[in-house]
Amino acid sequence: MAKRDYYEVLGVSKGASADEIKKGYRTKAKELHPDRNADNPNAEAQFKEANEAYDVLKDADKKAAYDRFGHAAFEGGMGGGGGRPGGGFGGGQGDFGSAFSDVFDDLFGDFMGGQRGGGGGRRAARGSDLRYNLRISLEDAFAGLQKTINVPTSVSCNSCDGSGAEGGSEPSTCPTCSGMGKVRAQQGFFTVERTCPTCSGLGQIIQNPCKTCSGAGRVEKDRALSVNIPAGVETGTRIRLAGEGEAGMRGGPSGDLYIFIEVSSHKLFERDGTNLFCRVPVSMGTAALGGSIEVPTIDGGRGRVQIPAGSQSGRQMRLRSKGMPALRGGGQGDMFIELAVETPVNLTSRQKELLREFEDLSEENNPESSSFFSSVKSFWDSMKG
């Protein structure tokens, strides 16, 4: 059976660029992979055909020979330049591992953190990000503050300047991965890439490790950092300090430090976003007759609130712009005063006498009670019926 044209196999034109050829192969490889076509007995043969076509067209010399001589260029005897002795390129089935690994790198290289190119370069690893939990008071969250914190972390080793090598010596290229930091293994149709077990992905090994850091290029140390806490922060607010995390391996960049804020609960105020709530007890007489009370504010000041006559427990009054500031501007919240009418205790005989007299005279002064017990009477009457 005559072989199909390689360009036709990949679904590209004869004038296609290298990127278009690779894109065509990627599309065909996904479409025809046997694992995706269990019910198609021809899928494996078609997949190998696409692999064979790509193995030729991806190589400039092989492509030039194919464009000139067609399939005959790989059947021996035909010259083409750049081929193996005898003029042919051989390998009618192509090198699947080579062809598919190019696409594998393209698809998954960035995801796996791989670096392509020549080996031997320094493989510095970025340091880890760190988390620091900081608890502050509600007053500090209101005003903002500058705070110094001590963070246990890894810092660059001064003895070896972060290289991990003793006495100014340089790390050598890892012999297992040739400096790539990854090794490849063929598993059926796939070329699988793994982190090199010898150098742990760094691409280098140290023959003479630094005595201070044992070759890591970093040491454990507590650092004092000054942190600016802006006004208006809430529990869960995250502050990022770039480059203040763990030092990188062998001179790599440092990670970041994330400070998570927790605002402590307050004895007087309860927070809801930018608003504050304060429960204030008032005497029965003040609630009944009305009056004026003084309440605290979060900034340490005082506010005066007028209590209307006949106020009940749960009534709220607003003090505008006496709440918390918004974190990124946008004004300030309000403070809500919630009244809690207090029943007197430990009454003297005279007080009890006056209250009984007051109770006898206040039959028409308790509209809520009158309404409630009228509803209760109606309920009981209906139950009797």
Protein backbone atom coordinates (compact mmCIF):
# COMPACT_ATOMS: atom_id res chain seq x y z
CA MET A 1 0.00 0.00 0.00
CA ALA A 2 1.45 3.38 -1.03
CA LYS A 3 2.34 5.76 1.74
CA ARG A 4 0.28 8.90 2.12
CA ASP A 5 1.88 12.29 1.65
CA TYR A 6 3.40 13.43 4.98
CA TYR A 7 1.87 16.90 4.69
CA GLU A 8 -1.53 15.33 4.08
CA VAL A 9 -1.07 13.07 7.11
CA LEU A 10 -0.53 16.09 9.37
CA GLY A 11 -3.21 18.16 7.66
CA VAL A 12 -0.88 21.01 6.64
CA SER A 13 0.16 22.53 3.33
CA LYS A 14 3.57 21.96 1.71
CA GLY A 15 4.59 25.51 2.45
CA ALA A 16 3.77 25.18 6.17
CA SER A 17 6.18 26.68 8.70
CA ALA A 18 7.83 24.69 11.48
CA ASP A 19 5.27 26.01 14.00
CA GLU A 20 2.38 25.04 11.73
CA ILE A 21 3.84 21.55 11.30
CA LYS A 22 4.19 21.15 15.07
CA LYS A 23 0.65 22.42 15.62
CA GLY A 24 -0.64 19.97 13.01
CA TYR A 25 1.14 17.09 14.71
CA ARG A 26 -0.15 18.08 18.14
CA THR A 27 -3.71 18.09 16.80
CA LYS A 28 -3.30 14.69 15.17
CA ALA A 29 -1.52 13.20 18.20
CA LYS A 30 -4.41 14.15 20.47
CA GLU A 31 -7.02 13.04 17.95
CA LEU A 32 -5.48 9.67 17.11
CA HIS A 33 -3.91 8.58 20.39
CA PRO A 34 -4.87 4.91 21.02
CA ASP A 35 -5.98 5.63 24.57
CA ARG A 36 -8.67 7.89 23.16
CA ASN A 37 -9.70 5.49 20.40
CA ALA A 38 -10.17 2.12 22.06
CA ASP A 39 -12.97 1.30 19.60
CA ASN A 40 -10.91 2.19 16.51
CA PRO A 41 -8.56 -0.65 15.48
CA ASN A 42 -6.78 1.65 13.00
CA ALA A 43 -5.97 4.36 15.54
CA GLU A 44 -2.57 2.97 16.52
CA ALA A 45 -1.43 2.67 12.89
CA GLN A 46 -2.64 6.18 12.10
CA PHE A 47 -0.97 7.51 15.24
CA LYS A 48 2.35 5.95 14.19
CA GLU A 49 1.89 7.35 10.69
CA ALA A 50 1.48 10.87 12.10
CA ASN A 51 4.55 10.33 14.29
CA GLU A 52 6.57 9.17 11.27
CA ALA A 53 5.50 12.20 9.23
CA TYR A 54 6.38 14.63 12.02
CA ASP A 55 9.74 12.98 12.63
CA VAL A 56 10.68 13.81 9.03
CA LEU A 57 9.08 17.23 8.61
CA LYS A 58 10.34 18.66 11.89
CA ASP A 59 13.96 18.16 10.75
CA ALA A 60 15.09 20.76 8.20
CA ASP A 61 17.46 18.38 6.37
CA LYS A 62 14.98 15.52 6.23
CA LYS A 63 12.21 17.88 5.15
CA ALA A 64 14.36 19.24 2.31
CA ALA A 65 15.13 15.71 1.11
CA TYR A 66 11.45 14.73 1.34
CA ASP A 67 10.37 17.83 -0.58
CA ARG A 68 12.81 16.90 -3.35
CA PHE A 69 12.57 13.12 -3.55
CA GLY A 70 9.42 12.20 -1.63
CA HIS A 71 9.33 8.89 0.25
CA ALA A 72 12.17 7.57 -1.94
CA ALA A 73 14.60 9.75 0.04
CA PHE A 74 14.27 7.34 2.99
CA GLU A 75 14.32 4.04 1.15
CA GLY A 76 18.10 4.00 0.57
CA GLY A 77 20.21 4.93 -2.44
CA MET A 78 18.98 8.50 -2.90
CA GLY A 79 21.23 11.35 -1.96
CA GLY A 80 19.90 14.16 0.05
CA GLY A 81 22.71 15.54 2.07
CA GLY A 82 22.86 15.48 5.82
CA GLY A 83 21.67 11.85 5.98
CA ARG A 84 23.42 8.80 7.20
CA PRO A 85 26.16 7.15 5.11
CA GLY A 86 24.64 5.73 1.91
CA GLY A 87 22.47 8.78 1.37
CA GLY A 88 19.35 7.51 3.18
CA PHE A 89 17.95 8.79 6.46
CA GLY A 90 16.65 5.36 7.46
CA GLY A 91 14.10 4.71 10.18
CA GLY A 92 10.89 4.53 8.23
CA GLN A 93 8.98 4.27 11.50
CA GLY A 94 10.67 7.38 12.85
CA ASP A 95 11.91 7.98 16.36
CA PHE A 96 8.69 8.23 18.39
CA GLY A 97 10.43 9.20 21.62
CA SER A 98 12.16 12.13 19.95
CA ALA A 99 9.11 13.33 18.05
CA PHE A 100 6.57 13.05 20.85
CA SER A 101 8.90 14.41 23.54
CA ASP A 102 9.06 17.71 21.62
CA VAL A 103 5.30 17.99 21.87
CA PHE A 104 5.36 16.74 25.47
CA ASP A 105 7.77 19.56 26.35
CA ASP A 106 5.57 22.06 24.58
CA LEU A 107 2.41 20.91 26.31
CA PHE A 108 3.70 20.20 29.81
CA GLY A 109 7.12 21.79 30.14
CA ASP A 110 5.93 24.94 31.83
CA PHE A 111 3.55 23.02 34.09
CA MET A 112 6.35 20.75 35.32
CA GLY A 113 8.73 23.62 35.81
CA GLY A 114 11.12 22.29 33.17
CA GLN A 115 13.82 24.40 31.56
CA ARG A 116 14.95 23.59 28.08
CA GLY A 117 18.28 24.45 26.63
CA GLY A 118 21.86 23.58 27.32
CA GLY A 119 22.87 22.13 30.64
CA GLY A 120 25.48 23.30 33.06
CA GLY A 121 23.86 26.61 34.07
CA ARG A 122 23.13 27.36 37.69
CA ARG A 123 19.73 26.01 38.74
CA ALA A 124 18.77 28.34 41.56
CA ALA A 125 15.49 27.44 43.29
CA ARG A 126 13.08 30.09 44.59
CA GLY A 127 12.52 30.13 48.32
CA SER A 128 9.19 29.19 49.87
CA ASP A 129 6.53 31.73 50.81
CA LEU A 130 5.97 32.17 54.55
CA ARG A 131 2.87 32.91 56.62
CA TYR A 132 2.84 34.97 59.82
CA ASN A 133 -0.31 35.31 61.96
CA LEU A 134 -0.56 38.71 63.68
CA ARG A 135 -3.19 39.54 66.29
CA ILE A 136 -3.99 43.21 66.92
CA SER A 137 -6.55 45.12 68.99
CA LEU A 138 -9.63 46.82 67.57
CA GLU A 139 -8.09 50.19 68.49
CA ASP A 140 -5.01 49.34 66.39
CA ALA A 141 -7.24 48.27 63.51
CA PHE A 142 -9.01 51.63 63.78
CA ALA A 143 -5.88 53.79 63.85
CA GLY A 144 -3.36 51.62 62.00
CA LEU A 145 0.12 51.01 63.38
CA GLN A 146 3.75 50.29 62.61
CA LYS A 147 4.81 47.03 64.23
CA THR A 148 8.08 45.11 64.41
CA ILE A 149 7.76 41.33 64.14
CA ASN A 150 10.34 38.56 64.50
CA VAL A 151 10.11 36.00 61.71
CA PRO A 152 12.01 32.67 61.88
CA THR A 153 13.14 32.02 58.31
CA SER A 154 16.00 30.95 56.07
CA VAL A 155 18.47 33.61 54.89
CA SER A 156 21.29 33.47 52.37
CA CYS A 157 24.50 31.99 53.79
CA ASN A 158 27.19 34.67 54.16
CA SER A 159 30.04 32.15 54.19
CA CYS A 160 29.44 30.99 50.61
CA ASP A 161 27.35 33.93 49.34
CA GLY A 162 24.45 31.55 48.83
CA SER A 163 26.27 29.22 46.40
CA GLY A 164 26.47 26.30 48.82
CA ALA A 165 30.12 25.62 47.85
CA GLU A 166 33.08 25.98 50.22
CA GLY A 167 35.98 28.37 49.64
CA GLY A 168 34.73 30.03 46.49
CA SER A 169 34.51 26.78 44.53
CA GLU A 170 31.75 26.37 41.97
CA PRO A 171 29.07 23.66 41.82
CA SER A 172 29.56 21.14 39.02
CA THR A 173 27.05 19.94 36.45
CA CYS A 174 25.00 16.97 37.59
CA PRO A 175 26.20 13.87 35.67
CA THR A 176 22.80 12.18 35.83
CA CYS A 177 20.74 14.87 34.09
CA SER A 178 23.58 16.85 32.42
CA GLY A 179 22.41 19.99 34.15
CA MET A 180 18.79 19.79 33.00
CA GLY A 181 17.41 19.06 36.46
CA LYS A 182 15.10 16.41 34.98
CA VAL A 183 15.45 12.92 33.59
CA ARG A 184 13.28 11.23 30.99
CA ALA A 185 12.06 7.67 30.81
CA GLN A 186 10.18 5.95 28.01
CA GLN A 187 6.92 4.32 29.09
CA GLY A 188 5.07 2.84 26.13
CA PHE A 189 3.97 5.67 23.87
CA PHE A 190 4.91 8.36 26.39
CA THR A 191 8.14 10.00 27.41
CA VAL A 192 7.79 10.80 31.12
CA GLU A 193 9.86 13.55 32.69
CA ARG A 194 10.79 13.43 36.37
CA THR A 195 12.89 15.51 38.73
CA CYS A 196 16.47 14.29 38.77
CA PRO A 197 17.03 12.19 41.93
CA THR A 198 20.73 13.06 42.10
CA CYS A 199 20.51 16.87 42.20
CA SER A 200 16.84 17.23 43.25
CA GLY A 201 16.14 19.28 40.13
CA LEU A 202 18.88 21.87 40.65
CA GLY A 203 21.00 20.64 37.74
CA GLN A 204 24.17 20.87 39.83
CA ILE A 205 25.93 18.99 42.57
CA ILE A 206 28.41 20.34 45.08
CA GLN A 207 31.61 18.38 45.53
CA ASN A 208 32.87 20.57 48.39
CA PRO A 209 29.82 21.82 50.35
CA CYS A 210 29.99 24.88 52.57
CA LYS A 211 30.55 23.93 56.21
CA THR A 212 28.20 26.63 57.48
CA CYS A 213 25.11 25.75 55.45
CA SER A 214 26.02 22.14 54.44
CA GLY A 215 25.64 23.04 50.78
CA ALA A 216 22.11 24.47 51.00
CA GLY A 217 23.22 28.05 50.41
CA ARG A 218 21.02 29.28 53.27
CA VAL A 219 20.83 29.13 57.07
CA GLU A 220 18.04 29.40 59.65
CA LYS A 221 17.79 32.76 61.38
CA ASP A 222 15.25 35.04 63.08
CA ARG A 223 14.70 38.34 61.32
CA ALA A 224 13.12 41.52 62.69
CA LEU A 225 10.81 43.16 60.16
CA SER A 226 8.87 46.41 60.41
CA VAL A 227 5.30 46.03 59.16
CA ASN A 228 2.90 48.83 58.33
CA ILE A 229 -0.66 47.87 59.33
CA PRO A 230 -3.11 50.20 57.56
CA ALA A 231 -6.19 51.56 59.31
CA GLY A 232 -9.37 49.60 58.67
CA VAL A 233 -7.92 46.06 58.52
CA GLU A 234 -10.23 43.18 59.45
CA THR A 235 -9.72 39.60 60.50
CA GLY A 236 -8.53 37.76 57.41
CA THR A 237 -6.81 40.75 55.83
CA ARG A 238 -3.60 39.60 54.12
CA ILE A 239 -0.51 41.79 53.76
CA ARG A 240 2.21 40.68 51.32
CA LEU A 241 5.86 41.57 51.82
CA ALA A 242 7.61 40.71 48.55
CA GLY A 243 10.98 39.01 48.88
CA GLU A 244 10.78 38.70 52.66
CA GLY A 245 10.06 34.96 52.71
CA GLU A 246 12.47 32.06 52.77
CA ALA A 247 15.79 32.54 50.94
CA GLY A 248 16.21 30.62 47.70
CA MET A 249 18.44 27.59 47.31
CA ARG A 250 21.95 28.38 46.07
CA GLY A 251 21.37 32.03 45.37
CA GLY A 252 17.81 31.71 44.09
CA PRO A 253 15.26 34.49 44.68
CA SER A 254 13.53 34.70 48.04
CA GLY A 255 9.89 33.87 48.50
CA ASP A 256 7.28 36.27 49.89
CA LEU A 257 6.02 36.79 53.44
CA TYR A 258 2.24 36.89 53.94
CA ILE A 259 0.95 38.45 57.16
CA PHE A 260 -2.59 37.38 58.10
CA ILE A 261 -4.38 39.78 60.45
CA GLU A 262 -6.63 38.72 63.31
CA VAL A 263 -8.47 41.50 65.15
CA SER A 264 -9.22 40.67 68.80
CA SER A 265 -12.76 40.97 70.15
CA HIS A 266 -13.51 44.09 72.21
CA LYS A 267 -15.20 44.48 75.59
CA LEU A 268 -17.39 47.39 74.51
CA PHE A 269 -17.72 47.31 70.74
CA GLU A 270 -18.87 44.70 68.26
CA ARG A 271 -17.78 45.15 64.65
CA ASP A 272 -19.71 44.49 61.46
CA GLY A 273 -17.67 45.66 58.48
CA THR A 274 -17.09 49.37 58.99
CA ASN A 275 -19.94 49.75 61.52
CA LEU A 276 -19.63 49.40 65.29
CA PHE A 277 -22.32 48.39 67.78
CA CYS A 278 -22.33 49.26 71.46
CA ARG A 279 -24.93 47.95 73.91
CA VAL A 280 -25.63 50.58 76.58
CA PRO A 281 -27.71 49.87 79.71
CA VAL A 282 -30.13 52.63 80.80
CA SER A 283 -32.25 52.88 83.90
CA MET A 284 -35.97 52.26 83.80
CA GLY A 285 -36.60 55.84 84.80
CA THR A 286 -34.39 57.30 82.04
CA ALA A 287 -36.00 55.04 79.46
CA ALA A 288 -39.47 56.11 80.61
CA LEU A 289 -38.84 59.82 81.09
CA GLY A 290 -36.12 60.38 78.49
CA GLY A 291 -32.76 61.90 79.12
CA SER A 292 -29.18 62.18 77.97
CA ILE A 293 -26.37 59.61 78.29
CA GLU A 294 -22.65 59.69 77.49
CA VAL A 295 -21.18 56.84 75.44
CA PRO A 296 -17.57 55.93 74.48
CA THR A 297 -16.27 56.04 70.91
CA ILE A 298 -13.53 53.86 69.37
CA ASP A 299 -11.16 56.82 69.00
CA GLY A 300 -11.14 57.27 72.79
CA GLY A 301 -13.59 60.15 72.78
CA ARG A 302 -17.10 60.56 74.12
CA GLY A 303 -20.43 61.00 72.45
CA ARG A 304 -23.70 62.29 73.91
CA VAL A 305 -26.94 60.57 72.99
CA GLN A 306 -30.46 61.79 73.69
CA ILE A 307 -32.83 59.06 74.93
CA PRO A 308 -36.42 59.68 73.82
CA ALA A 309 -39.09 59.22 76.49
CA GLY A 310 -40.69 55.80 76.39
CA SER A 311 -37.70 54.02 74.83
CA GLN A 312 -37.73 50.22 74.94
CA SER A 313 -34.89 47.68 75.09
CA GLY A 314 -33.36 47.06 71.68
CA ARG A 315 -33.92 50.56 70.37
CA GLN A 316 -30.96 51.75 68.28
CA MET A 317 -29.57 55.23 67.73
CA ARG A 318 -26.88 56.14 65.22
CA LEU A 319 -23.74 58.20 65.66
CA ARG A 320 -22.64 58.97 62.13
CA SER A 321 -18.97 58.52 61.10
CA LYS A 322 -18.03 57.11 64.50
CA GLY A 323 -17.37 53.59 63.22
CA MET A 324 -14.31 52.02 61.54
CA PRO A 325 -12.48 53.52 58.54
CA ALA A 326 -12.72 51.72 55.22
CA LEU A 327 -9.49 49.85 54.43
CA ARG A 328 -8.84 51.53 51.07
CA GLY A 329 -10.50 54.86 51.67
CA GLY A 330 -14.14 55.60 51.07
CA GLY A 331 -15.07 57.21 54.36
CA GLN A 332 -15.94 55.82 57.75
CA GLY A 333 -18.71 53.67 59.12
CA ASP A 334 -21.25 54.54 61.80
CA MET A 335 -21.66 53.60 65.43
CA PHE A 336 -24.99 52.22 66.63
CA ILE A 337 -26.08 52.53 70.25
CA GLU A 338 -28.46 49.76 71.35
CA LEU A 339 -30.44 50.46 74.53
CA ALA A 340 -30.84 47.82 77.21
CA VAL A 341 -33.46 48.96 79.74
CA GLU A 342 -32.36 47.69 83.13
CA THR A 343 -34.72 46.41 85.81
CA PRO A 344 -33.65 47.67 89.28
CA VAL A 345 -32.56 45.13 91.89
CA ASN A 346 -32.06 45.11 95.67
CA LEU A 347 -34.98 47.50 96.26
CA THR A 348 -35.60 49.13 99.61
CA SER A 349 -39.02 48.99 101.28
CA ARG A 350 -39.76 52.56 100.22
CA GLN A 351 -38.79 51.82 96.61
CA LYS A 352 -41.02 48.76 96.54
CA GLU A 353 -43.89 50.80 97.94
CA LEU A 354 -43.46 53.47 95.29
CA LEU A 355 -43.24 50.88 92.52
CA ARG A 356 -46.46 49.21 93.67
CA GLU A 357 -48.17 52.58 93.72
CA PHE A 358 -46.76 53.31 90.26
CA GLU A 359 -47.94 49.92 88.98
CA ASP A 360 -51.49 50.61 90.17
CA LEU A 361 -51.47 53.93 88.33
CA SER A 362 -49.83 52.77 85.09
CA GLU A 363 -52.50 50.56 83.63
CA GLU A 364 -52.80 52.73 80.52
CA ASN A 365 -49.03 53.31 80.15
CA ASN A 366 -48.05 49.88 78.89
CA PRO A 367 -49.52 49.55 75.38
CA GLU A 368 -47.42 46.55 74.41
CA SER A 369 -48.46 44.60 77.50
CA SER A 370 -52.11 45.51 76.98
CA SER A 371 -51.97 44.38 73.36
CA PHE A 372 -50.19 41.14 74.22
CA PHE A 373 -52.55 40.06 76.99
CA SER A 374 -55.56 41.01 74.91
CA SER A 375 -54.28 38.59 72.24
CA VAL A 376 -53.69 35.94 74.90
CA LYS A 377 -57.29 36.29 76.14
CA SER A 378 -58.61 35.93 72.59
CA PHE A 379 -56.46 32.83 72.10
CA TRP A 380 -57.74 31.16 75.27
CA ASP A 381 -61.35 32.03 74.39
CA SER A 382 -60.95 30.45 70.96
CA MET A 383 -59.47 27.31 72.51
CA LYS A 384 -62.49 26.99 74.80
CA GLY A 385 -64.80 27.31 71.82
